[in-house]
C-alpha atoms as a PDB file:
ATOM      1  CA  MET A   1     124.493 144.241 112.512  1.00  0.00           C
ATOM      2  CA  PHE A   2     125.089 144.096 108.769  1.00  0.00           C
ATOM      3  CA  GLN A   3     126.333 140.509 109.090  1.00  0.00           C
ATOM      4  CA  HIS A   4     123.086 139.494 110.828  1.00  0.00           C
ATOM      5  CA  LEU A   5     121.065 140.972 107.972  1.00  0.00           C
ATOM      6  CA  MET A   6     123.206 139.117 105.452  1.00  0.00           C
ATOM      7  CA  ASN A   7     122.624 135.869 107.360  1.00  0.00           C
ATOM      8  CA  LEU A   8     118.870 136.472 107.268  1.00  0.00           C
ATOM      9  CA  THR A   9     118.863 137.090 103.527  1.00  0.00           C
ATOM     10  CA  ASP A  10     120.953 133.946 102.969  1.00  0.00           C
ATOM     11  CA  LEU A  11     118.517 132.009 105.132  1.00  0.00           C
ATOM     12  CA  LYS A  12     115.599 133.372 103.133  1.00  0.00           C
ATOM     13  CA  ARG A  13     117.110 132.071  99.875  1.00  0.00           C
ATOM     14  CA  ASP A  14     117.958 128.630 101.295  1.00  0.00           C
ATOM     15  CA  ARG A  15     115.169 126.196 100.309  1.00  0.00           C
ATOM     16  CA  ARG A  16     116.528 123.034 101.961  1.00  0.00           C
ATOM     17  CA  GLY A  17     114.817 123.704 105.271  1.00  0.00           C
ATOM     18  CA  VAL A  18     111.506 124.408 103.578  1.00  0.00           C
ATOM     19  CA  THR A  19     111.637 121.123 101.684  1.00  0.00           C
ATOM     20  CA  MET A  20     112.456 119.201 104.848  1.00  0.00           C
ATOM     21  CA  LEU A  21     109.550 120.897 106.620  1.00  0.00           C
ATOM     22  CA  GLU A  22     107.188 119.979 103.783  1.00  0.00           C
ATOM     23  CA  TYR A  23     108.242 116.331 103.935  1.00  0.00           C
ATOM     24  CA  GLY A  24     107.748 116.380 107.700  1.00  0.00           C
ATOM     25  CA  LEU A  25     104.231 117.769 107.326  1.00  0.00           C
ATOM     26  CA  ILE A  26     103.365 115.159 104.692  1.00  0.00           C
ATOM     27  CA  ALA A  27     104.665 112.364 106.945  1.00  0.00           C
ATOM     28  CA  ALA A  28     102.630 113.703 109.871  1.00  0.00           C
ATOM     29  CA  LEU A  29      99.496 113.861 107.711  1.00  0.00           C
ATOM     30  CA  VAL A  30      99.998 110.277 106.516  1.00  0.00           C
ATOM     31  CA  ALA A  31     100.439 109.139 110.133  1.00  0.00           C
ATOM     32  CA  VAL A  32      97.238 110.908 111.225  1.00  0.00           C
ATOM     33  CA  VAL A  33      95.263 109.347 108.366  1.00  0.00           C
ATOM     34  CA  ALA A  34      96.666 105.891 109.160  1.00  0.00           C
ATOM     35  CA  VAL A  35      95.760 106.189 112.848  1.00  0.00           C
ATOM     36  CA  ALA A  36      92.266 107.432 111.992  1.00  0.00           C
ATOM     37  CA  ALA A  37      91.739 104.540 109.564  1.00  0.00           C
ATOM     38  CA  VAL A  38      92.872 101.946 112.086  1.00  0.00           C
ATOM     39  CA  ARG A  39      90.681 103.432 114.810  1.00  0.00           C
ATOM     40  CA  THR A  40      87.678 103.564 112.493  1.00  0.00           C
ATOM     41  CA  MET A  41      88.033 100.143 110.883  1.00  0.00           C
ATOM     42  CA  GLY A  42      89.988  98.331 113.586  1.00  0.00           C
ATOM     43  CA  GLY A  43      87.113  96.100 114.691  1.00  0.00           C
ATOM     44  CA  GLN A  44      86.228  95.092 111.147  1.00  0.00           C
ATOM     45  CA  LEU A  45      89.862  94.374 110.352  1.00  0.00           C
ATOM     46  CA  SER A  46      90.241  92.244 113.460  1.00  0.00           C
ATOM     47  CA  SER A  47      87.153  90.175 112.672  1.00  0.00           C
ATOM     48  CA  ALA A  48      88.348  89.685 109.081  1.00  0.00           C
ATOM     49  CA  PHE A  49      91.678  88.302 110.320  1.00  0.00           C
ATOM     50  CA  VAL A  50      89.882  86.019 112.781  1.00  0.00           C
ATOM     51  CA  THR A  51      87.635  84.711 109.989  1.00  0.00           C
ATOM     52  CA  VAL A  52      90.605  84.026 107.730  1.00  0.00           C
ATOM     53  CA  GLY A  53      92.483  82.404 110.602  1.00  0.00           C
ATOM     54  CA  ASP A  54      89.528  80.137 111.335  1.00  0.00           C
ATOM     55  CA  ASP A  55      89.198  79.126 107.671  1.00  0.00           C
ATOM     56  CA  ILE A  56      92.861  78.176 107.196  1.00  0.00           C
ATOM     57  CA  PRO A  57      92.767  74.930 109.244  1.00  0.00           C
ATOM     58  CA  ALA A  58      89.554  73.873 107.467  1.00  0.00           C
ATOM     59  CA  SER A  59      91.182  74.434 104.080  1.00  0.00           C
ATOM     60  CA  ALA A  60      94.315  72.560 105.091  1.00  0.00           C
ATOM     61  CA  SER A  61      92.349  69.496 106.181  1.00  0.00           C
ATOM     62  CA  GLY A  62      90.493  69.390 102.869  1.00  0.00           C
ATOM     63  CA  SER A  63      86.955  69.993 104.090  1.00  0.00           C
END
């Protein structure tokens, strides 16, 4: 029983797991924000790429 308590106190002092958890939460938050941005502005982004794609051949031909 005493050994289990010692393991718990050692675990409480170990900060490596906490840091890894924090990085995981930050990565999840960044992913959620990225997905929300793409869903919100996806149509506008698509039309911008289409416009640029349509303008490239005109620029290449010199008109």
